[in-house]
Protein backbone atom coordinates (compact mmCIF):
# COMPACT_ATOMS: atom_id res chain seq x y z
CA MET A 1 95.53 78.63 93.74
CA LEU A 2 95.47 81.72 95.62
CA ARG A 3 97.38 81.34 98.92
CA PHE A 4 98.22 83.81 101.83
CA HIS A 5 100.69 83.68 104.75
CA ASN A 6 97.64 83.79 107.65
CA THR A 7 99.27 85.07 110.71
CA LEU A 8 96.75 83.44 112.76
CA SER A 9 98.29 79.70 111.61
CA ASN A 10 101.48 81.19 111.04
CA LYS A 11 101.40 79.13 107.55
CA LEU A 12 100.77 79.59 103.87
CA GLU A 13 97.40 78.67 103.58
CA GLU A 14 95.12 77.89 100.24
CA PHE A 15 92.63 80.70 99.82
CA ARG A 16 89.04 79.42 100.27
CA PRO A 17 86.35 81.82 100.92
CA LEU A 18 83.65 81.12 103.72
CA ARG A 19 80.92 81.11 101.18
CA ASP A 20 81.00 80.31 97.63
CA ASN A 21 82.64 83.30 95.29
CA GLU A 22 81.87 86.08 97.87
CA VAL A 23 84.85 87.41 99.88
CA LYS A 24 84.59 89.81 102.68
CA ALA A 25 87.86 91.86 103.61
CA TYR A 26 88.70 94.42 106.38
CA ILE A 27 91.95 96.23 106.96
CA CYS A 28 92.77 98.83 109.53
CA GLY A 29 92.38 102.53 107.93
CA PRO A 30 93.99 105.70 109.32
CA THR A 31 93.75 107.67 112.24
CA VAL A 32 92.82 110.90 111.25
CA TRP A 33 94.64 113.42 113.57
CA ASN A 34 97.14 114.35 110.74
CA PHE A 35 98.45 113.75 107.22
CA ALA A 36 99.08 109.77 106.86
CA HIS A 37 103.06 109.11 106.20
CA ILE A 38 104.47 106.76 103.34
CA GLY A 39 104.69 104.08 105.93
CA ASN A 40 100.86 104.38 106.24
CA PHE A 41 100.57 104.34 102.39
CA ARG A 42 102.61 101.22 102.52
CA THR A 43 99.97 99.28 104.20
CA PHE A 44 96.91 101.13 102.65
CA THR A 45 98.59 100.44 98.97
CA PHE A 46 99.19 96.60 99.99
CA GLY A 47 95.12 96.45 100.80
CA ASP A 48 94.42 97.96 97.24
CA ILE A 49 96.92 95.31 95.85
CA LEU A 50 94.66 93.02 97.82
CA ALA A 51 91.38 93.90 96.81
CA ARG A 52 92.00 94.40 93.16
CA TYR A 53 93.86 91.12 92.98
CA LEU A 54 90.83 89.33 94.56
CA ARG A 55 88.20 90.86 91.87
CA PHE A 56 90.75 90.03 89.32
CA LYS A 57 90.91 86.36 90.10
CA GLY A 58 86.78 86.91 89.86
CA TYR A 59 85.98 87.03 93.30
CA ASP A 60 82.43 89.23 94.54
CA LEU A 61 84.52 91.38 97.15
CA THR A 62 83.21 93.67 99.91
CA TYR A 63 86.32 95.56 100.89
CA VAL A 64 85.85 97.62 104.06
CA MET A 65 88.46 100.36 105.69
CA ASN A 66 87.77 102.24 108.76
CA LEU A 67 88.65 105.45 109.71
CA THR A 68 89.42 106.03 113.33
CA ASP A 69 88.15 109.48 114.07
CA VAL A 70 88.23 109.51 117.70
CA ASP A 71 91.19 108.34 119.90
CA ASP A 72 93.10 110.22 122.94
CA ARG A 73 95.60 111.77 120.51
CA ILE A 74 92.31 113.54 118.38
CA ILE A 75 90.62 114.43 121.52
CA ASN A 76 93.78 116.33 122.64
CA GLU A 77 94.71 117.67 119.64
CA SER A 78 91.31 118.87 118.81
CA HIS A 79 91.07 120.68 122.22
CA LYS A 80 94.98 122.17 121.55
CA ALA A 81 92.92 123.53 118.73
CA GLY A 82 89.76 124.55 120.30
CA LYS A 83 87.89 122.78 117.75
CA SER A 84 85.09 119.77 117.72
CA ILE A 85 86.16 116.06 116.84
CA ASP A 86 84.37 116.41 113.81
CA GLU A 87 85.93 120.15 112.50
CA PHE A 88 89.39 119.11 113.62
CA VAL A 89 89.40 115.81 111.67
CA GLN A 90 87.43 116.88 108.73
CA PRO A 91 90.44 118.11 106.73
CA TYR A 92 92.54 115.49 107.09
CA ILE A 93 89.80 112.74 106.20
CA ILE A 94 89.59 115.10 102.75
CA ALA A 95 93.26 115.04 102.59
CA PHE A 96 93.52 111.37 103.02
CA TRP A 97 91.25 110.51 100.00
CA GLU A 98 93.15 113.02 97.85
CA ASP A 99 96.35 111.45 98.85
CA MET A 100 94.75 107.31 98.10
CA ALA A 101 93.56 109.12 94.85
CA ALA A 102 96.88 110.37 93.99
CA LEU A 103 98.84 107.02 94.76
CA GLY A 104 96.47 105.07 92.23
CA ASN A 105 94.70 103.58 95.37
CA ASN A 106 90.71 102.75 94.75
CA ARG A 107 88.46 103.81 97.73
CA PRO A 108 87.14 100.89 99.58
CA ASP A 109 83.43 99.76 99.23
CA ILE A 110 82.87 100.95 102.59
CA ALA A 111 84.85 103.48 104.88
CA PRO A 112 82.75 103.82 108.03
CA ARG A 113 84.00 106.48 110.71
CA ALA A 114 83.86 105.18 114.27
CA THR A 115 81.95 108.36 115.78
CA GLU A 116 79.49 106.96 113.10
CA HIS A 117 78.90 103.41 114.82
CA ILE A 118 79.22 104.15 118.65
CA LYS A 119 75.50 101.82 119.09
CA GLU A 120 77.41 99.01 117.63
CA MET A 121 80.20 99.22 119.98
CA ILE A 122 77.88 100.14 122.95
CA ASP A 123 75.81 96.63 121.77
CA ILE A 124 78.99 94.54 121.95
CA ILE A 125 80.04 95.83 125.23
CA SER A 126 76.38 95.05 126.65
CA THR A 127 76.83 91.78 125.95
CA LEU A 128 80.33 91.39 127.00
CA LEU A 129 79.41 92.64 130.56
CA ALA A 130 76.12 90.48 130.25
CA ASN A 131 78.00 87.21 129.37
CA GLY A 132 80.96 88.19 132.11
CA LYS A 133 83.61 88.68 129.63
CA ALA A 134 83.79 92.48 130.66
CA TYR A 135 83.69 93.99 134.19
CA GLU A 136 82.87 97.71 135.46
CA SER A 137 85.72 100.03 137.73
CA ASP A 138 85.68 103.29 138.41
CA GLY A 139 82.86 103.81 135.33
CA SER A 140 85.08 102.33 132.77
CA ILE A 141 84.38 98.92 131.57
CA TYR A 142 87.36 96.25 130.69
CA PHE A 143 87.80 93.40 128.94
CA ARG A 144 88.35 90.39 131.41
CA ILE A 145 91.19 88.56 129.50
CA SER A 146 91.08 85.55 131.89
CA ALA A 147 87.70 84.66 130.47
CA PHE A 148 89.23 84.47 126.93
CA PRO A 149 91.69 81.38 127.23
CA GLU A 150 92.84 81.59 123.86
CA TYR A 151 94.01 85.14 124.23
CA GLY A 152 97.53 85.27 122.44
CA LYS A 153 96.59 82.79 119.21
CA LEU A 154 97.15 85.88 117.23
CA SER A 155 100.64 87.25 118.03
CA LYS A 156 101.81 84.27 119.78
CA ILE A 157 103.26 85.78 122.68
CA SER A 158 102.93 84.38 126.07
CA PHE A 159 100.63 86.36 128.48
CA SER A 160 101.72 85.02 131.93
CA GLY A 161 102.07 87.56 134.05
CA ASN A 162 101.99 91.37 133.80
CA GLU A 163 102.00 92.36 130.04
CA ALA A 164 100.52 96.01 130.54
CA GLY A 165 103.77 97.74 129.23
CA GLY A 166 103.60 95.32 125.86
CA SER A 167 104.28 96.72 122.16
CA GLY A 168 101.98 99.00 120.65
CA ARG A 169 99.25 101.01 121.91
CA VAL A 170 98.33 99.08 125.16
CA ASP A 171 95.62 100.72 127.29
CA THR A 172 97.51 101.57 130.93
CA ASP A 173 94.38 103.76 132.28
CA LYS A 174 94.70 105.05 135.68
CA TYR A 175 91.27 103.14 136.88
CA GLU A 176 91.99 99.89 138.90
CA LYS A 177 91.66 97.28 136.88
CA GLU A 178 91.14 93.13 138.05
CA ASP A 179 94.41 92.43 135.81
CA ALA A 180 97.14 94.65 134.68
CA ARG A 181 96.46 92.58 130.96
CA ASP A 182 92.71 93.81 130.64
CA PHE A 183 92.18 96.38 128.32
CA ALA A 184 89.41 99.16 128.14
CA VAL A 185 86.32 99.02 125.42
CA TRP A 186 84.48 102.28 127.40
CA LYS A 187 86.25 104.80 129.04
CA LEU A 188 84.30 107.07 131.64
CA VAL A 189 84.50 110.77 130.77
CA ASP A 190 83.08 113.88 132.44
CA ARG A 191 80.14 115.00 131.43
CA SER A 192 81.50 118.26 130.75
CA ASP A 193 83.65 116.60 128.12
CA PRO A 194 82.16 116.84 124.38
CA ALA A 195 84.11 113.74 123.50
CA GLY A 196 81.64 111.45 125.00
CA TRP A 197 78.47 109.57 124.54
CA GLU A 198 75.46 108.00 126.50
CA ALA A 199 75.49 104.29 127.18
CA PRO A 200 73.61 102.21 129.64
CA PHE A 201 76.95 101.56 131.71
CA GLY A 202 77.77 105.68 132.04
CA TYR A 203 78.86 108.67 129.63
CA GLY A 204 81.97 107.92 128.25
CA ARG A 205 83.63 107.05 124.89
CA PRO A 206 85.00 103.75 123.25
CA GLY A 207 88.46 102.17 124.00
CA TRP A 208 90.45 102.11 120.51
CA HIS A 209 90.05 98.20 119.95
CA ILE A 210 86.46 97.87 120.20
CA GLU A 211 85.70 100.31 117.30
CA CYS A 212 86.88 98.04 114.62
CA SER A 213 85.43 95.19 115.93
CA ALA A 214 81.86 97.13 115.77
CA MET A 215 82.73 98.42 112.21
CA SER A 216 84.11 94.89 110.69
CA MET A 217 80.91 93.19 112.24
CA LYS A 218 78.40 95.60 110.77
CA TYR A 219 79.32 95.61 107.63
CA LEU A 220 80.93 92.15 107.17
CA GLY A 221 79.23 89.86 109.47
CA GLU A 222 80.01 88.07 112.74
CA THR A 223 82.92 86.14 110.81
CA PHE A 224 84.27 87.39 107.68
CA ASP A 225 87.20 86.04 105.39
CA ILE A 226 89.99 88.42 105.68
CA HIS A 227 91.39 90.80 108.22
CA ALA A 228 94.57 93.15 107.15
CA GLY A 229 97.01 95.77 108.47
CA GLY A 230 100.07 96.58 109.30
CA VAL A 231 102.21 94.10 111.14
CA ASP A 232 102.65 97.08 114.43
CA LEU A 233 98.89 96.23 114.71
CA GLN A 234 99.44 92.75 115.59
CA PHE A 235 99.76 93.43 118.93
CA PRO A 236 97.55 94.63 120.72
CA HIS A 237 95.30 95.73 118.72
CA HIS A 238 94.19 93.13 116.38
CA GLU A 239 95.26 90.47 119.26
CA ASN A 240 92.01 92.40 121.54
CA GLU A 241 89.73 92.83 118.27
CA ILE A 242 90.04 88.61 118.24
CA ALA A 243 89.09 88.26 122.18
CA GLN A 244 86.47 91.03 122.44
CA SER A 245 84.94 90.02 119.10
CA GLU A 246 84.73 85.85 119.43
CA GLY A 247 84.01 86.96 123.33
CA ALA A 248 80.88 88.26 122.29
CA THR A 249 79.90 86.09 119.62
CA GLY A 250 81.49 82.66 120.37
CA LYS A 251 82.16 82.50 116.53
CA LEU A 252 85.55 82.98 114.33
CA PHE A 253 86.35 86.47 114.18
CA ALA A 254 88.23 86.61 110.94
CA LYS A 255 89.50 83.19 109.11
CA TYR A 256 92.86 84.95 107.61
CA TRP A 257 95.14 87.77 109.30
CA LEU A 258 97.40 89.60 106.66
CA HIS A 259 99.85 91.73 107.98
CA GLY A 260 102.36 94.35 106.20
CA GLU A 261 105.84 94.57 107.19
CA PHE A 262 107.09 98.03 108.53
CA LEU A 263 108.69 100.88 105.89
CA LYS A 264 112.36 101.95 106.56
CA ILE A 265 113.95 105.06 105.32
CA ASP A 266 117.51 104.55 104.64
CA ASN A 267 117.62 101.55 107.07
CA GLU A 268 116.17 103.35 109.85
CA LYS A 269 113.21 103.36 111.55
CA MET A 270 110.88 105.69 110.63
CA ALA A 271 110.20 108.39 113.43
CA LYS A 272 109.75 112.07 114.21
CA SER A 273 112.48 112.56 116.18
CA LEU A 274 114.84 111.34 113.68
CA GLY A 275 112.79 113.87 111.01
CA ASN A 276 112.13 110.87 108.15
CA ASP A 277 108.47 110.69 108.95
CA TYR A 278 107.51 111.78 105.70
CA THR A 279 104.05 112.23 104.20
CA LEU A 280 103.50 111.58 100.84
CA ARG A 281 102.54 115.59 100.16
CA ASP A 282 106.47 115.66 101.38
CA ILE A 283 107.71 113.59 98.79
CA ILE A 284 105.44 114.48 96.16
CA SER A 285 106.88 118.15 96.77
CA ARG A 286 110.58 117.00 96.13
CA GLY A 287 109.65 116.58 92.52
CA PHE A 288 108.54 112.77 92.82
CA SER A 289 105.15 111.47 91.11
CA PRO A 290 102.92 109.64 92.70
CA LEU A 291 103.14 106.71 90.35
CA ALA A 292 107.04 106.30 90.98
CA ILE A 293 106.21 106.16 94.72
CA ARG A 294 103.76 104.02 94.07
CA TYR A 295 105.75 101.59 91.97
CA LEU A 296 108.55 101.81 95.17
CA LEU A 297 105.84 100.93 97.45
CA ILE A 298 104.78 97.55 96.11
CA SER A 299 108.40 96.61 94.42
CA VAL A 300 108.79 94.40 97.69
CA PRO A 301 106.33 92.05 98.55
CA TYR A 302 103.68 93.54 101.37
CA GLY A 303 104.93 90.72 103.97
CA LYS A 304 108.88 91.54 104.03
CA GLN A 305 110.27 94.89 105.32
CA LEU A 306 111.03 97.57 102.68
CA ASN A 307 113.85 99.92 102.75
CA PHE A 308 112.44 103.56 101.32
CA THR A 309 115.40 105.51 99.76
CA PHE A 310 115.30 108.43 97.35
CA GLU A 311 117.95 106.83 95.49
CA GLY A 312 115.57 103.75 95.00
CA LEU A 313 112.69 106.46 94.27
CA LYS A 314 114.93 108.04 91.34
CA GLY A 315 115.10 104.41 90.20
CA ALA A 316 111.25 104.03 90.54
CA GLU A 317 110.66 107.15 88.63
CA SER A 318 112.85 105.89 85.36
CA THR A 319 111.14 102.77 85.43
CA VAL A 320 107.42 103.82 85.31
CA GLY A 321 108.93 106.29 82.51
CA ARG A 322 109.65 103.39 80.53
CA LEU A 323 106.73 101.30 81.29
CA GLN A 324 104.71 104.37 79.83
CA GLN A 325 107.01 104.97 76.73
CA PHE A 326 106.71 100.95 76.27
CA ARG A 327 102.69 101.07 76.20
CA ARG A 328 102.94 104.35 73.63
CA LEU A 329 105.32 102.54 71.53
CA VAL A 330 103.47 99.29 71.28
CA ARG A 331 100.15 101.34 70.51
CA GLU A 332 101.75 103.38 68.01
CA ALA A 333 103.67 100.69 66.63
CA LYS A 334 102.90 99.79 62.61
CA THR A 335 102.14 96.67 62.24
CA GLU A 336 101.09 94.09 59.21
CA PRO A 337 97.90 92.05 60.05
CA GLY A 338 98.15 88.21 61.66
CA SER A 339 100.13 87.01 64.70
CA ASP A 340 103.26 85.44 65.11
CA THR A 341 103.45 82.40 67.35
CA GLU A 342 106.61 83.41 69.27
CA VAL A 343 105.31 86.61 70.45
CA ALA A 344 101.68 85.01 71.50
CA GLN A 345 103.98 82.46 73.38
CA LEU A 346 105.67 85.46 75.56
CA VAL A 347 102.66 87.27 76.08
CA ALA A 348 101.20 83.93 77.40
CA LYS A 349 103.71 83.12 79.61
CA ALA A 350 104.11 86.43 81.20
CA LEU A 351 100.49 86.54 82.28
CA ALA A 352 101.10 82.92 83.76
CA GLU A 353 104.22 83.68 85.77
CA PHE A 354 102.56 87.11 86.33
CA GLU A 355 99.23 85.30 87.83
CA ALA A 356 101.66 82.34 89.73
CA ALA A 357 103.48 85.31 91.18
CA MET A 358 100.64 87.03 92.68
CA ASP A 359 98.79 83.72 93.74
CA ASP A 360 101.74 83.21 96.02
CA ASP A 361 100.93 85.52 98.87
CA LEU A 362 100.74 88.52 96.82
CA ASN A 363 104.48 88.19 95.35
CA THR A 364 104.69 91.61 93.81
CA SER A 365 108.36 91.51 92.91
CA VAL A 366 108.20 88.31 91.11
CA ALA A 367 104.88 89.83 89.37
CA LEU A 368 106.78 92.87 88.46
CA ALA A 369 109.60 90.67 87.16
CA ALA A 370 107.37 89.13 84.64
CA ILE A 371 106.06 92.52 83.59
CA HIS A 372 109.53 93.32 82.76
CA ASN A 373 110.76 90.42 81.06
CA LEU A 374 107.63 91.07 78.54
CA VAL A 375 108.89 94.57 78.04
CA ARG A 376 112.33 93.53 77.16
CA GLU A 377 111.54 90.79 74.97
CA THR A 378 108.50 92.51 72.93
CA ASN A 379 111.21 95.54 72.84
CA SER A 380 113.29 93.18 70.79
CA VAL A 381 110.19 92.78 68.29
CA LEU A 382 109.16 96.28 67.97
CA ALA A 383 113.47 96.78 67.21
CA LYS A 384 112.80 94.72 64.20
CA ASP A 385 109.69 96.12 63.16
CA ALA A 386 108.06 92.62 63.70
CA LEU A 387 105.49 92.95 65.76
CA ARG A 388 101.90 92.00 64.34
CA ALA A 389 98.68 93.54 64.53
CA ASP A 390 96.99 90.72 66.35
CA ASP A 391 100.24 90.59 68.60
CA ARG A 392 100.05 94.54 69.35
CA GLU A 393 96.46 93.73 70.82
CA SER A 394 97.56 90.76 72.94
CA VAL A 395 100.26 92.86 74.44
CA LEU A 396 98.30 95.87 75.02
CA ASP A 397 95.73 93.31 76.38
CA ALA A 398 98.29 91.64 79.11
CA VAL A 399 99.38 95.55 79.85
CA ALA A 400 96.15 96.36 80.76
CA ARG A 401 95.54 93.10 83.01
CA PHE A 402 98.66 93.70 84.84
CA ASP A 403 97.98 97.38 85.38
CA SER A 404 93.90 96.38 86.89
CA VAL A 405 96.18 94.77 89.62
CA LEU A 406 99.40 96.85 89.96
CA GLY A 407 98.27 100.42 88.89
CA ILE A 408 101.51 101.04 87.69
CA PHE A 409 101.38 101.97 84.15
CA GLY A 410 99.19 105.41 84.91
CA LYS A 411 96.65 106.86 82.67
CA GLU A 412 97.55 107.11 79.20
CA GLN A 413 97.48 110.82 77.88
CA ALA A 414 96.57 112.07 74.64
CA GLU A 415 99.30 113.40 72.17
CA LEU A 416 100.18 117.16 73.37
CA LEU A 417 99.30 119.32 70.46
CA ASP A 418 102.02 121.55 69.05
CA ALA A 419 100.54 124.74 70.68
CA GLU A 420 100.67 123.07 73.89
CA VAL A 421 104.23 121.90 73.69
CA GLU A 422 105.24 125.28 72.96
CA ALA A 423 103.34 126.95 75.67
CA LEU A 424 105.42 124.23 78.00
CA ILE A 425 108.42 125.34 76.26
CA ASP A 426 107.81 129.08 77.34
CA GLU A 427 107.04 128.26 80.73
CA ARG A 428 110.23 126.40 81.40
CA GLN A 429 111.76 128.95 79.71
CA GLU A 430 110.35 131.62 82.09
CA ALA A 431 110.97 129.27 85.34
CA ARG A 432 114.75 129.23 84.23
CA ARG A 433 114.97 132.76 84.07
CA ASN A 434 113.14 132.91 87.59
CA ARG A 435 115.80 130.14 88.76
CA ASN A 436 113.04 128.02 89.65
CA PHE A 437 114.80 124.91 88.35
CA ALA A 438 112.52 122.63 90.13
CA ARG A 439 109.68 123.75 88.01
CA SER A 440 111.90 123.58 84.78
CA ASP A 441 113.16 120.01 85.30
CA GLU A 442 109.52 119.10 86.14
CA ILE A 443 108.34 120.46 82.55
CA ARG A 444 111.10 118.92 80.79
CA ASP A 445 110.46 115.30 82.32
CA LEU A 446 106.82 115.72 81.46
CA LEU A 447 107.62 116.40 77.78
CA ALA A 448 109.98 113.68 77.54
CA GLN A 449 107.51 111.06 79.10
CA ARG A 450 105.28 112.50 76.56
CA GLY A 451 107.76 111.90 73.47
CA ILE A 452 109.20 115.24 73.07
CA VAL A 453 112.93 115.90 72.94
CA LEU A 454 114.07 119.36 73.71
CA GLU A 455 117.46 120.61 72.39
CA ASP A 456 119.16 123.43 73.54
CA THR A 457 120.76 125.65 70.82
CA LYS A 458 122.55 129.15 70.29
CA ASP A 459 119.26 129.82 68.67
CA GLY A 460 117.07 128.97 71.21
CA VAL A 461 115.05 125.32 72.54
CA ARG A 462 114.25 123.16 69.62
CA TRP A 463 112.00 120.26 70.19
CA LYS A 464 111.23 117.05 68.07
CA ARG A 465 108.81 113.90 68.80
CA LYS A 466 110.84 110.91 69.06
């Protein structure tokens, strides 16, 4: 029984799709004004695990992640750069998908861009104006919070009095509003500004919150199963999404709300001022593999804060190396025909524990423990040359099933040919002569992962296969 902690009810609930075996899920994607940082990728990797596991469970999933390619920050930065919005964001969109692929995150089924869905936003705003839940002030359009009594049901914040200065990206426009809590769904801009669109209610651009309402409902319908994102978006972004969406349709917007917790760096909040807002590329440039980064990001369940340290990342690097080595040893093990009941039971137990953990609100920590238990116990069997042929296939099948969800074993690599080994060793020696020790260590680690042991002797470097 798959269960999620639903932020809307603040309870652990059994997951029941709205319609048969179909699941429709949406996660708030990046604002493409710069390279995404490692905290962003914790959220996007959580989304990837969610999508993978829903498919593992046999659901017919439609998974949507938006790209916010217009907001105040993008407009300001594109003006500074002397570029159009599209010219400015395009390199960051390309970089984002490259980083997602490097981390092993699958692309969502649909990845809509905000600027391509202005019509849908205008339609929602027109409905809100018509039913009295939005109003015009100095050319901008605001959502009237007093017209939506359920406002605050997601964040559980009391909104009596002035809440304009709340947490997150709260709209504090200079225009007159009926209530300080009201938020902009359409912002008036001068006609000379290229970052604007024609609408029945005036030339302008959308507010941030209306973007996700329009894109999610276009592809998933007025009511869908799961809305996910980082906990920092719970208020005001997701709260405002609910208000404007349900205010327009009169229907439940999303049934389950899942929020990924913060990532800290060395027990501190990630911030530019602290110099610890690392991008994925920053960390890879230090010599760490994307696979190790992925492992560390999922080592703690999405609903708990994760403390990211480089010491922990070194441990993750060793761990994924051992997992890859384990899979290779199982595949290459010389076996006798048949099966051993004890090994078959170990595999069945690991699979059951893995699924039970993931069913429990995607508890990746316990799921990883189930995998490591199987690895340890199977290694004991391998050490005695007691693995049977059928059991080998069962273990490899279990590894493939684990990896279809967590993606931590990496792609299997063909064995290096002798000439390829010699070429890499020559490159390593040249790197050492040039004092490029980072590259030297990288080649050594690569060879070690591929089962090649190097020995530095007085006669030069010798190597052998493990």
